[in-house]
Protein backbone atom coordinates (compact mmCIF):
# COMPACT_ATOMS: atom_id res chain seq x y z
CA MET A 1 -22.46 -20.62 52.35
CA ASN A 2 -26.08 -21.67 52.58
CA ARG A 3 -28.38 -19.18 54.23
CA PHE A 4 -29.78 -20.51 57.49
CA PHE A 5 -33.08 -18.68 57.70
CA VAL A 6 -35.06 -19.59 54.59
CA ALA A 7 -38.10 -17.73 55.92
CA LEU A 8 -39.88 -16.77 59.07
CA PHE A 9 -42.96 -18.87 59.57
CA LEU A 10 -46.01 -19.11 61.75
CA LEU A 11 -45.40 -22.04 64.06
CA CYS A 12 -48.23 -24.52 64.06
CA ALA A 13 -47.87 -25.36 67.74
CA THR A 14 -48.66 -22.78 70.37
CA THR A 15 -45.73 -20.95 71.93
CA SER A 16 -47.42 -20.38 75.27
CA PRO A 17 -45.57 -21.73 78.32
CA ALA A 18 -48.45 -24.10 79.10
CA ALA A 19 -47.48 -26.16 76.05
CA ALA A 20 -43.81 -26.46 77.01
CA ASP A 21 -42.54 -29.96 77.65
CA GLU A 22 -39.58 -28.83 79.71
CA LEU A 23 -37.60 -25.79 80.78
CA ALA A 24 -34.50 -25.74 78.56
CA PHE A 25 -32.64 -22.67 79.87
CA GLU A 26 -32.94 -19.42 81.78
CA PHE A 27 -31.10 -16.22 80.93
CA GLY A 28 -31.93 -12.95 82.68
CA GLN A 29 -35.57 -12.10 81.99
CA TRP A 30 -35.89 -15.00 79.52
CA GLN A 31 -37.10 -18.57 80.00
CA GLY A 32 -36.39 -21.09 77.26
CA HIS A 33 -38.69 -24.06 76.66
CA ARG A 34 -38.46 -27.09 74.43
CA MET A 35 -41.82 -27.75 72.77
CA ASP A 36 -43.27 -30.98 71.33
CA GLN A 37 -46.28 -31.52 69.11
CA ASP A 38 -47.96 -34.90 68.58
CA GLY A 39 -45.14 -36.60 70.47
CA ALA A 40 -42.35 -35.17 68.29
CA PHE A 41 -40.04 -32.21 68.80
CA SER A 42 -41.48 -29.06 67.23
CA HIS A 43 -39.46 -26.01 68.30
CA CYS A 44 -37.73 -24.18 71.13
CA ALA A 45 -39.22 -20.93 72.44
CA ALA A 46 -37.88 -18.22 74.72
CA LEU A 47 -40.36 -16.13 76.68
CA SER A 48 -39.81 -12.77 78.33
CA PHE A 49 -42.34 -11.42 80.84
CA PRO A 50 -41.40 -7.78 81.52
CA ARG A 51 -44.83 -7.19 83.00
CA GLU A 52 -47.47 -9.53 84.37
CA ASP A 53 -49.88 -8.96 81.49
CA GLU A 54 -47.38 -8.76 78.60
CA SER A 55 -44.85 -11.12 77.03
CA LEU A 56 -42.50 -11.42 74.06
CA ILE A 57 -41.74 -14.79 72.50
CA LEU A 58 -38.88 -15.80 70.18
CA ALA A 59 -38.97 -19.31 68.73
CA ILE A 60 -36.81 -21.42 66.41
CA GLY A 61 -38.33 -24.48 64.76
CA ARG A 62 -36.76 -27.87 64.06
CA ASP A 63 -35.93 -26.74 60.52
CA GLY A 64 -34.31 -23.52 61.67
CA GLN A 65 -37.14 -21.07 61.06
CA LEU A 66 -37.64 -18.10 63.36
CA ALA A 67 -40.98 -16.83 64.68
CA VAL A 68 -41.77 -13.79 66.83
CA ALA A 69 -44.90 -13.34 68.94
CA ALA A 70 -46.13 -10.76 71.43
CA ARG A 71 -48.97 -10.80 73.92
CA ALA A 72 -50.72 -7.98 75.78
CA SER A 73 -53.90 -8.32 77.81
CA GLU A 74 -55.22 -4.97 76.57
CA TRP A 75 -55.21 -6.15 72.96
CA LYS A 76 -58.52 -7.45 71.60
CA PHE A 77 -58.37 -9.08 68.18
CA LYS A 78 -60.40 -11.54 66.16
CA GLU A 79 -58.37 -14.75 66.08
CA GLY A 80 -56.83 -15.33 62.67
CA ALA A 81 -57.26 -11.73 61.54
CA VAL A 82 -54.48 -10.14 59.49
CA LEU A 83 -53.68 -6.72 60.96
CA MET A 84 -51.94 -3.66 59.61
CA ALA A 85 -49.53 -2.67 62.35
CA THR A 86 -46.10 -1.18 62.97
CA VAL A 87 -43.41 -3.36 64.52
CA THR A 88 -40.08 -1.62 65.08
CA ILE A 89 -36.71 -2.29 66.68
CA ASP A 90 -35.14 0.89 68.01
CA GLY A 91 -37.39 2.85 65.67
CA ASP A 92 -36.59 0.86 62.53
CA LEU A 93 -39.53 -0.89 60.87
CA ILE A 94 -39.26 -4.71 60.75
CA ALA A 95 -42.90 -5.65 60.03
CA SER A 96 -46.08 -3.90 58.93
CA GLN A 97 -48.46 -6.85 58.62
CA ILE A 98 -49.03 -9.28 61.48
CA GLN A 99 -51.53 -12.02 62.32
CA ALA A 100 -53.66 -12.32 65.42
CA THR A 101 -53.24 -15.88 66.68
CA ALA A 102 -55.41 -15.29 69.74
CA SER A 103 -57.54 -12.46 71.09
CA HIS A 104 -54.49 -10.88 72.70
CA GLU A 105 -51.54 -12.39 70.78
CA VAL A 106 -49.92 -11.51 67.46
CA ARG A 107 -47.16 -13.05 65.35
CA PHE A 108 -45.48 -12.00 62.15
CA VAL A 109 -43.86 -13.78 59.27
CA TYR A 110 -41.40 -13.01 56.46
CA ALA A 111 -41.56 -14.75 53.08
CA ASP A 112 -38.30 -13.29 51.79
CA ALA A 113 -35.03 -14.92 52.91
CA ASP A 114 -33.00 -11.70 52.88
CA GLU A 115 -35.60 -9.89 54.99
CA ALA A 116 -35.67 -12.80 57.42
CA ASN A 117 -31.91 -12.65 57.88
CA GLU A 118 -32.04 -8.90 58.41
CA ALA A 119 -34.74 -9.35 61.05
CA TYR A 120 -32.66 -11.95 62.89
CA LYS A 121 -29.68 -9.60 62.98
CA ALA A 122 -31.85 -6.68 64.06
CA ILE A 123 -33.25 -8.66 67.00
CA ALA A 124 -29.76 -9.72 68.08
CA ALA A 125 -28.42 -6.16 67.90
CA GLY A 126 -31.52 -4.30 69.08
CA ARG A 127 -32.52 -2.81 72.40
CA LEU A 128 -36.31 -2.36 72.17
CA MET A 129 -39.02 -4.02 70.07
CA SER A 130 -42.27 -2.08 69.83
CA PHE A 131 -45.69 -3.10 68.53
CA ARG A 132 -48.24 -0.47 67.47
CA THR A 133 -51.50 -2.25 66.69
CA PRO A 134 -55.11 -1.15 66.06
CA SER A 135 -55.85 -2.27 69.62
CA GLY A 136 -52.96 -0.58 71.43
CA THR A 137 -49.19 -0.51 71.80
CA ALA A 138 -46.59 -2.50 73.72
CA SER A 139 -42.79 -2.41 73.90
CA PHE A 140 -40.33 -5.11 74.98
CA SER A 141 -36.68 -4.99 75.98
CA LEU A 142 -34.32 -7.09 73.84
CA SER A 143 -31.68 -7.26 76.55
CA GLY A 144 -29.95 -10.63 76.29
CA ALA A 145 -31.43 -11.40 72.84
CA PRO A 146 -28.09 -12.48 71.25
CA GLN A 147 -27.48 -15.04 73.99
CA VAL A 148 -31.11 -16.16 73.88
CA LEU A 149 -31.01 -16.76 70.12
CA ASP A 150 -27.81 -18.79 70.54
CA ALA A 151 -29.41 -20.76 73.38
CA LEU A 152 -32.43 -21.48 71.19
CA ILE A 153 -30.16 -22.78 68.44
CA GLY A 154 -28.43 -25.03 70.97
CA CYS A 155 -31.81 -26.21 72.29
CA VAL A 156 -32.93 -27.19 68.79
CA GLY A 157 -29.63 -28.94 68.09
CA GLN A 158 -29.84 -30.92 71.30
CA ALA A 159 -33.43 -31.97 70.58
CA LEU A 160 -32.51 -33.13 67.09
CA ALA A 161 -29.50 -34.99 68.48
CA GLU A 162 -31.73 -36.86 70.89
CA GLU A 163 -33.87 -37.90 67.94
CA GLY A 164 -30.75 -39.18 66.18
CA GLY A 165 -31.23 -36.64 63.43
CA THR A 166 -28.57 -35.23 61.16
CA SER A 167 -27.48 -31.63 60.76
CA LYS A 168 -26.00 -29.34 58.18
CA PRO A 169 -22.20 -29.22 57.87
CA ALA A 170 -20.47 -26.56 59.92
CA LEU A 171 -19.29 -24.77 56.78
CA SER A 172 -20.61 -25.19 53.28
CA ALA A 173 -19.91 -23.29 50.08
CA GLY A 174 -22.65 -21.16 48.56
CA GLN A 175 -21.99 -17.51 47.73
CA ALA A 176 -18.59 -17.87 49.37
CA VAL A 177 -15.84 -19.67 47.43
CA ARG A 178 -13.38 -22.06 49.06
CA LEU A 179 -9.74 -21.05 48.68
CA ASP A 180 -7.31 -23.16 46.68
CA PRO A 181 -5.65 -25.68 49.10
CA THR A 182 -2.18 -24.28 48.43
CA GLU A 183 -3.31 -20.72 49.10
CA ALA A 184 -5.15 -21.88 52.23
CA MET A 185 -1.99 -23.54 53.55
CA VAL A 186 0.03 -20.35 53.02
CA GLN A 187 -2.60 -18.35 54.90
CA VAL A 188 -2.62 -20.85 57.79
CA VAL A 189 1.18 -20.92 58.12
CA ASN A 190 1.26 -17.12 58.26
CA MET A 191 -1.61 -17.09 60.76
CA LEU A 192 0.07 -19.57 63.12
CA ALA A 193 3.31 -17.61 62.97
CA ALA A 194 1.45 -14.39 63.80
CA ALA A 195 -0.21 -16.23 66.70
CA GLY A 196 3.21 -17.16 68.11
CA MET A 197 2.45 -20.87 67.83
CA SER A 198 5.09 -23.42 66.81
CA GLY A 199 5.82 -27.13 66.90
CA GLN A 200 2.66 -28.14 65.01
CA VAL A 201 2.60 -31.33 62.96
CA TYR A 202 0.44 -30.91 59.87
CA LEU A 203 -1.91 -33.78 59.06
CA SER A 204 -2.74 -35.32 55.71
CA PRO A 205 -6.39 -35.15 54.59
CA SER A 206 -6.81 -38.88 55.27
CA GLU A 207 -5.94 -38.24 58.92
CA TYR A 208 -8.65 -35.66 59.61
CA LYS A 209 -11.22 -35.39 56.79
CA ASP A 210 -13.57 -38.01 58.27
CA MET A 211 -13.91 -35.91 61.40
CA LEU A 212 -13.52 -32.40 59.90
CA PRO A 213 -14.71 -32.59 56.29
CA ASP A 214 -15.32 -28.85 56.02
CA PHE A 215 -11.77 -27.81 56.97
CA ASP A 216 -8.86 -27.36 54.55
CA VAL A 217 -5.82 -27.63 56.83
CA ALA A 218 -5.36 -29.52 60.10
CA TRP A 219 -2.50 -29.91 62.56
CA ARG A 220 -1.60 -31.55 65.85
CA ASN A 221 -0.36 -29.18 68.57
CA PRO A 222 2.50 -30.17 70.92
CA ASP A 223 0.02 -30.56 73.81
CA GLY A 224 -2.02 -33.10 71.82
CA THR A 225 -4.91 -30.82 70.89
CA LEU A 226 -6.09 -30.78 67.29
CA GLY A 227 -6.30 -27.60 65.23
CA ALA A 228 -7.94 -26.99 61.86
CA ALA A 229 -8.77 -24.10 59.56
CA ALA A 230 -11.07 -23.34 56.64
CA LEU A 231 -10.86 -20.33 54.32
CA TYR A 232 -13.30 -18.82 51.83
CA SER A 233 -13.31 -15.77 49.61
CA ASN A 234 -16.35 -13.72 48.55
CA ALA A 235 -17.82 -14.06 52.04
CA ARG A 236 -20.14 -11.66 53.82
CA ARG A 237 -20.68 -10.68 57.42
CA ASP A 238 -23.90 -12.73 57.41
CA ASP A 239 -21.82 -15.88 56.91
CA LEU A 240 -20.60 -15.61 60.51
CA ASP A 241 -24.17 -16.13 61.72
CA VAL A 242 -24.81 -18.96 59.25
CA ALA A 243 -21.61 -20.79 60.22
CA SER A 244 -22.25 -20.22 63.95
CA THR A 245 -25.72 -21.72 63.70
CA ASN A 246 -24.52 -24.75 61.76
CA ILE A 247 -21.59 -25.36 64.11
CA LEU A 248 -23.73 -25.27 67.25
CA THR A 249 -26.49 -27.45 65.83
CA GLY A 250 -24.03 -29.81 64.13
CA ASP A 251 -21.94 -30.40 67.24
CA ALA A 252 -25.10 -30.90 69.29
CA ALA A 253 -26.33 -33.51 66.82
CA ARG A 254 -23.03 -35.39 66.98
CA CYS A 255 -23.16 -35.49 70.79
CA ARG A 256 -25.78 -38.23 70.61
CA SER A 257 -25.64 -39.78 74.06
CA GLY A 258 -23.69 -37.28 76.10
CA SER A 259 -24.34 -33.99 77.90
CA PHE A 260 -23.93 -31.07 75.50
CA VAL A 261 -23.27 -27.40 76.27
CA SER A 262 -22.44 -24.60 73.84
CA GLY A 263 -22.56 -20.88 73.32
CA VAL A 264 -21.06 -17.75 71.82
CA ARG A 265 -18.09 -16.58 73.85
CA LYS A 266 -17.65 -13.21 72.14
CA SER A 267 -18.37 -11.18 69.03
CA GLY A 268 -16.25 -8.32 67.77
CA GLU A 269 -15.71 -5.74 65.08
CA THR A 270 -12.58 -3.88 64.01
CA ALA A 271 -11.75 -1.51 61.18
CA ARG A 272 -10.75 -4.56 59.11
CA SER A 273 -13.03 -7.41 60.11
CA PHE A 274 -15.96 -8.92 62.01
CA SER A 275 -15.41 -11.90 64.30
CA LYS A 276 -17.17 -14.48 66.45
CA GLU A 277 -15.93 -17.10 68.93
CA LEU A 278 -17.93 -20.17 70.01
CA PHE A 279 -17.43 -23.09 72.35
CA THR A 280 -18.99 -26.54 72.46
CA ALA A 281 -18.48 -29.42 74.88
CA CYS A 282 -19.77 -32.97 74.78
CA GLU A 283 -19.35 -34.92 78.02
CA ASP A 284 -19.69 -38.57 77.07
CA GLY A 285 -17.22 -40.57 79.16
CA GLU A 286 -14.18 -41.58 77.13
CA ASP A 287 -15.52 -39.80 74.06
CA SER A 288 -15.72 -36.35 75.68
CA ILE A 289 -14.72 -33.46 73.40
CA ASP A 290 -14.12 -29.75 74.09
CA ALA A 291 -13.98 -27.46 71.05
CA TYR A 292 -13.36 -23.74 70.54
CA TYR A 293 -14.12 -22.02 67.24
CA VAL A 294 -12.76 -18.67 66.04
CA MET A 295 -14.23 -17.12 62.89
CA SER A 296 -13.53 -13.84 61.14
CA VAL A 297 -14.71 -12.16 57.96
CA THR A 298 -12.71 -9.26 56.52
CA ARG A 299 -14.47 -6.32 54.97
CA ASP A 300 -13.12 -7.41 51.58
CA GLY A 301 -14.67 -10.87 51.91
CA LEU A 302 -12.05 -13.32 53.28
CA PHE A 303 -13.63 -15.81 55.69
CA PHE A 304 -11.17 -17.46 58.11
CA ALA A 305 -12.40 -20.13 60.52
CA THR A 306 -10.40 -22.21 63.00
CA VAL A 307 -11.23 -24.85 65.58
CA THR A 308 -9.19 -26.25 68.46
CA ILE A 309 -10.31 -29.63 69.84
CA ALA A 310 -9.33 -31.53 72.97
CA PHE A 311 -10.38 -35.17 73.18
CA ALA A 312 -10.91 -35.21 76.94
CA SER A 313 -13.28 -33.66 79.42
CA GLY A 314 -12.46 -30.49 81.36
CA GLN A 315 -10.21 -29.03 78.66
CA GLN A 316 -12.23 -25.91 77.87
CA GLU A 317 -9.58 -23.55 79.26
CA VAL A 318 -6.91 -25.26 77.17
CA VAL A 319 -8.79 -24.95 73.88
CA GLU A 320 -9.98 -21.44 74.71
CA GLU A 321 -6.41 -20.31 75.34
CA LYS A 322 -5.39 -21.74 71.96
CA GLY A 323 -8.40 -20.05 70.39
CA ALA A 324 -7.41 -16.67 71.82
CA ALA A 325 -3.96 -17.04 70.25
CA LEU A 326 -5.50 -18.03 66.92
CA ALA A 327 -7.82 -15.02 67.05
CA ARG A 328 -4.80 -12.73 67.45
CA GLY A 329 -3.03 -14.55 64.65
CA ILE A 330 -5.99 -14.21 62.29
CA GLU A 331 -6.34 -10.48 62.98
CA GLN A 332 -2.61 -9.83 62.54
CA SER A 333 -2.32 -11.88 59.34
CA PHE A 334 -4.98 -9.92 57.42
């Protein structure tokens, strides 16, 4: 699966709230803004103001890059200066060289893709980000960071959808290897049986591939909802984050003229696997779609993803109930 974060970068446009075109979301101490530059969408930024004179900013650009900035009124830097500093999350070092983008603001950047991915995961899982600079120190709570990062991804996806842009496929082979179709079908049949689901009508590829090109098996449930599954071997835990990002941005891009909402419902970890569940909904009159995704990666590298889709508005509870059953089935079939 293709890595999502190619590198962290220094956003060209300012991430201060004064440059925000519109308020995109609010979550706890965070405010999310959609930002434009020269009349075109640039990035989405989330700002946390724990104290009047300090702020932490997380931003995701239109190409998926992540930037981190911090501001403190006591800091005094020469704009553009490269500073040796210590940036940690819960005591673990995540950056040692940062750039002063204003007299009291710093940002940092990763050039290595693996380090960028590790930083993203650290922010999502962390509790406190601390900056120790030549001009003073500041610390920021990361409470709500996982939801904020997901909201930023949704914000970017929605902005690109409004531009009529395209997105990456929900699942794409890279390091992970797609299972043989016959083996995938055996796994799906066992999974559905473990989930206690019956009465499905399996679909031929010609019946679903136009809509779900990245899925290997699809079926119609007795209640009319559509189910599908994709399986890969040689997967890693990171692939859950990659697939989640691509699903949320992809579904947002396909909801071209409707109202789109999305998010991560839950994440989990057991002795055997790591899992994530997402929902998306596109309210667009007769074309409204509710979808619920369940994904799991075993510790030995099997990636199992399912989606349940209802082609009507107000069906989120229906698809979520199916998703919960599929999640149990996936866990029990490993």
